[in-house]
Amino acid sequence: MPEVRVLRQYCKGCGLCVAVCPVHCLRMSDEVTPGGVQPAEVVETVDCTGCLRCHTVCPDAAIEVYE
């Protein structure tokens, strides 16, 4: 099963990854970082399909997908 990681230090909270995920394994965090960003986070109860859409659409390279 692929594993998704959000690199919070690079995420600017644009939400593009959340919008393109076909299985909704990402969401916007309720938490706001010290820099004022509401980053994306992984929904632990949903299995990633490994489509790489989130990784491809992220303008800041803040999403990593591993097998």
N, C-alpha and C. Protein backbone atom coordinates (compact mmCIF):
# COMPACT_ATOMS: atom_id res chain seq x y z
N MET A 1 0.85 -1.18 0.00
CA MET A 1 0.00 0.00 0.00
C MET A 1 0.89 1.24 0.00
N PRO A 2 0.68 2.17 -0.91
CA PRO A 2 1.48 3.41 -0.94
C PRO A 2 1.27 4.23 0.32
N GLU A 3 2.30 4.96 0.69
CA GLU A 3 2.25 5.84 1.86
C GLU A 3 2.45 7.28 1.39
N VAL A 4 1.61 8.17 1.87
CA VAL A 4 1.71 9.59 1.53
C VAL A 4 2.27 10.34 2.73
N ARG A 5 3.19 11.26 2.44
CA ARG A 5 3.73 12.13 3.48
C ARG A 5 3.60 13.57 3.03
N VAL A 6 3.13 14.41 3.94
CA VAL A 6 3.06 15.85 3.67
C VAL A 6 4.21 16.49 4.43
N LEU A 7 5.07 17.18 3.70
CA LEU A 7 6.19 17.89 4.32
C LEU A 7 5.68 19.27 4.74
N ARG A 8 5.27 19.35 5.99
CA ARG A 8 4.59 20.54 6.50
C ARG A 8 5.43 21.82 6.36
N GLN A 9 6.74 21.66 6.42
CA GLN A 9 7.60 22.84 6.32
C GLN A 9 7.56 23.47 4.93
N TYR A 10 7.10 22.72 3.92
CA TYR A 10 7.01 23.24 2.56
C TYR A 10 5.57 23.56 2.14
N CYS A 11 4.60 22.99 2.81
CA CYS A 11 3.19 23.16 2.43
C CYS A 11 2.73 24.58 2.71
N LYS A 12 2.12 25.21 1.71
CA LYS A 12 1.60 26.57 1.90
C LYS A 12 0.08 26.59 2.05
N GLY A 13 -0.54 25.41 2.10
CA GLY A 13 -1.96 25.32 2.37
C GLY A 13 -2.86 25.68 1.21
N CYS A 14 -2.41 25.47 -0.01
CA CYS A 14 -3.21 25.86 -1.18
C CYS A 14 -4.40 24.92 -1.41
N GLY A 15 -4.31 23.66 -0.94
CA GLY A 15 -5.41 22.72 -1.06
C GLY A 15 -5.53 22.00 -2.40
N LEU A 16 -4.59 22.22 -3.31
CA LEU A 16 -4.65 21.56 -4.61
C LEU A 16 -4.59 20.03 -4.47
N CYS A 17 -3.76 19.55 -3.57
CA CYS A 17 -3.63 18.10 -3.37
C CYS A 17 -4.93 17.48 -2.88
N VAL A 18 -5.61 18.19 -2.00
CA VAL A 18 -6.89 17.72 -1.47
C VAL A 18 -7.93 17.66 -2.59
N ALA A 19 -7.93 18.66 -3.45
CA ALA A 19 -8.90 18.73 -4.54
C ALA A 19 -8.72 17.63 -5.58
N VAL A 20 -7.49 17.19 -5.83
CA VAL A 20 -7.27 16.20 -6.89
C VAL A 20 -7.26 14.75 -6.42
N CYS A 21 -7.23 14.50 -5.13
CA CYS A 21 -7.17 13.12 -4.63
C CYS A 21 -8.48 12.39 -4.90
N PRO A 22 -8.44 11.31 -5.71
CA PRO A 22 -9.67 10.61 -6.06
C PRO A 22 -10.29 9.81 -4.91
N VAL A 23 -9.49 9.48 -3.88
CA VAL A 23 -10.02 8.68 -2.77
C VAL A 23 -10.10 9.47 -1.47
N HIS A 24 -9.78 10.76 -1.53
CA HIS A 24 -9.88 11.67 -0.38
C HIS A 24 -9.01 11.23 0.79
N CYS A 25 -7.76 10.89 0.49
CA CYS A 25 -6.85 10.50 1.57
C CYS A 25 -6.08 11.70 2.13
N LEU A 26 -6.37 12.89 1.62
CA LEU A 26 -5.78 14.12 2.16
C LEU A 26 -6.89 15.09 2.54
N ARG A 27 -6.60 15.93 3.53
CA ARG A 27 -7.53 16.98 3.96
C ARG A 27 -6.71 18.15 4.48
N MET A 28 -7.36 19.27 4.66
CA MET A 28 -6.70 20.43 5.25
C MET A 28 -6.76 20.28 6.77
N SER A 29 -5.66 20.51 7.41
CA SER A 29 -5.56 20.39 8.86
C SER A 29 -6.38 21.48 9.55
N ASP A 30 -6.88 21.18 10.72
CA ASP A 30 -7.55 22.19 11.54
C ASP A 30 -6.51 23.06 12.25
N GLU A 31 -5.29 22.57 12.31
CA GLU A 31 -4.20 23.24 12.99
C GLU A 31 -3.56 24.29 12.07
N VAL A 32 -3.17 25.41 12.64
CA VAL A 32 -2.48 26.46 11.90
C VAL A 32 -1.04 26.51 12.40
N THR A 33 -0.10 26.50 11.47
CA THR A 33 1.32 26.52 11.83
C THR A 33 1.72 27.90 12.36
N PRO A 34 2.88 28.00 12.99
CA PRO A 34 3.36 29.31 13.46
C PRO A 34 3.48 30.34 12.32
N GLY A 35 3.65 29.86 11.09
CA GLY A 35 3.74 30.75 9.94
C GLY A 35 2.39 31.17 9.40
N GLY A 36 1.31 30.72 10.04
CA GLY A 36 -0.04 31.10 9.62
C GLY A 36 -0.63 30.26 8.51
N VAL A 37 -0.08 29.07 8.29
CA VAL A 37 -0.54 28.19 7.22
C VAL A 37 -1.37 27.04 7.79
N GLN A 38 -2.44 26.72 7.11
CA GLN A 38 -3.25 25.55 7.44
C GLN A 38 -2.84 24.46 6.44
N PRO A 39 -1.89 23.59 6.81
CA PRO A 39 -1.33 22.63 5.87
C PRO A 39 -2.26 21.44 5.59
N ALA A 40 -1.94 20.74 4.52
CA ALA A 40 -2.63 19.49 4.22
C ALA A 40 -2.14 18.42 5.19
N GLU A 41 -2.96 17.40 5.39
CA GLU A 41 -2.56 16.27 6.21
C GLU A 41 -3.19 15.00 5.65
N VAL A 42 -2.62 13.87 6.02
CA VAL A 42 -3.08 12.57 5.55
C VAL A 42 -4.24 12.09 6.41
N VAL A 43 -5.26 11.56 5.77
CA VAL A 43 -6.37 10.92 6.48
C VAL A 43 -5.95 9.47 6.69
N GLU A 44 -5.66 9.11 7.92
CA GLU A 44 -5.08 7.79 8.21
C GLU A 44 -6.01 6.62 7.91
N THR A 45 -7.31 6.86 7.88
CA THR A 45 -8.26 5.76 7.69
C THR A 45 -8.55 5.46 6.23
N VAL A 46 -7.93 6.21 5.31
CA VAL A 46 -8.17 6.01 3.88
C VAL A 46 -6.88 5.53 3.23
N ASP A 47 -6.98 4.49 2.40
CA ASP A 47 -5.81 3.94 1.74
C ASP A 47 -5.52 4.67 0.43
N CYS A 48 -4.28 5.09 0.28
CA CYS A 48 -3.81 5.76 -0.92
C CYS A 48 -3.72 4.74 -2.06
N THR A 49 -4.10 5.16 -3.27
CA THR A 49 -4.02 4.28 -4.43
C THR A 49 -2.69 4.41 -5.17
N GLY A 50 -1.90 5.42 -4.83
CA GLY A 50 -0.61 5.62 -5.49
C GLY A 50 -0.72 6.29 -6.84
N CYS A 51 -1.78 7.04 -7.09
CA CYS A 51 -1.98 7.68 -8.40
C CYS A 51 -1.01 8.84 -8.66
N LEU A 52 -0.41 9.38 -7.61
CA LEU A 52 0.56 10.48 -7.67
C LEU A 52 -0.01 11.83 -8.09
N ARG A 53 -1.32 11.95 -8.14
CA ARG A 53 -1.91 13.24 -8.53
C ARG A 53 -1.53 14.34 -7.54
N CYS A 54 -1.54 14.03 -6.26
CA CYS A 54 -1.20 15.03 -5.24
C CYS A 54 0.24 15.50 -5.40
N HIS A 55 1.13 14.56 -5.62
CA HIS A 55 2.55 14.87 -5.80
C HIS A 55 2.76 15.73 -7.05
N THR A 56 2.06 15.39 -8.12
CA THR A 56 2.21 16.09 -9.39
C THR A 56 1.68 17.51 -9.33
N VAL A 57 0.55 17.72 -8.67
CA VAL A 57 -0.09 19.04 -8.65
C VAL A 57 0.53 20.00 -7.62
N CYS A 58 1.25 19.50 -6.66
CA CYS A 58 1.79 20.35 -5.58
C CYS A 58 2.87 21.29 -6.13
N PRO A 59 2.64 22.61 -6.05
CA PRO A 59 3.62 23.57 -6.58
C PRO A 59 4.86 23.73 -5.71
N ASP A 60 4.83 23.17 -4.51
CA ASP A 60 5.95 23.35 -3.57
C ASP A 60 6.67 22.05 -3.23
N ALA A 61 6.38 20.97 -3.94
CA ALA A 61 7.01 19.66 -3.70
C ALA A 61 6.87 19.25 -2.24
N ALA A 62 5.70 19.47 -1.67
CA ALA A 62 5.46 19.17 -0.26
C ALA A 62 4.81 17.81 -0.05
N ILE A 63 4.57 17.06 -1.13
CA ILE A 63 3.93 15.75 -1.02
C ILE A 63 4.88 14.67 -1.53
N GLU A 64 5.08 13.65 -0.72
CA GLU A 64 5.89 12.50 -1.13
C GLU A 64 5.01 11.26 -1.06
N VAL A 65 5.13 10.39 -2.05
CA VAL A 65 4.39 9.13 -2.08
C VAL A 65 5.39 8.00 -2.20
N TYR A 66 5.31 7.04 -1.27
CA TYR A 66 6.24 5.91 -1.23
C TYR A 66 5.47 4.61 -1.37
N GLU A 67 6.07 3.64 -2.00
CA GLU A 67 5.51 2.29 -2.09
C GLU A 67 5.81 1.55 -0.81
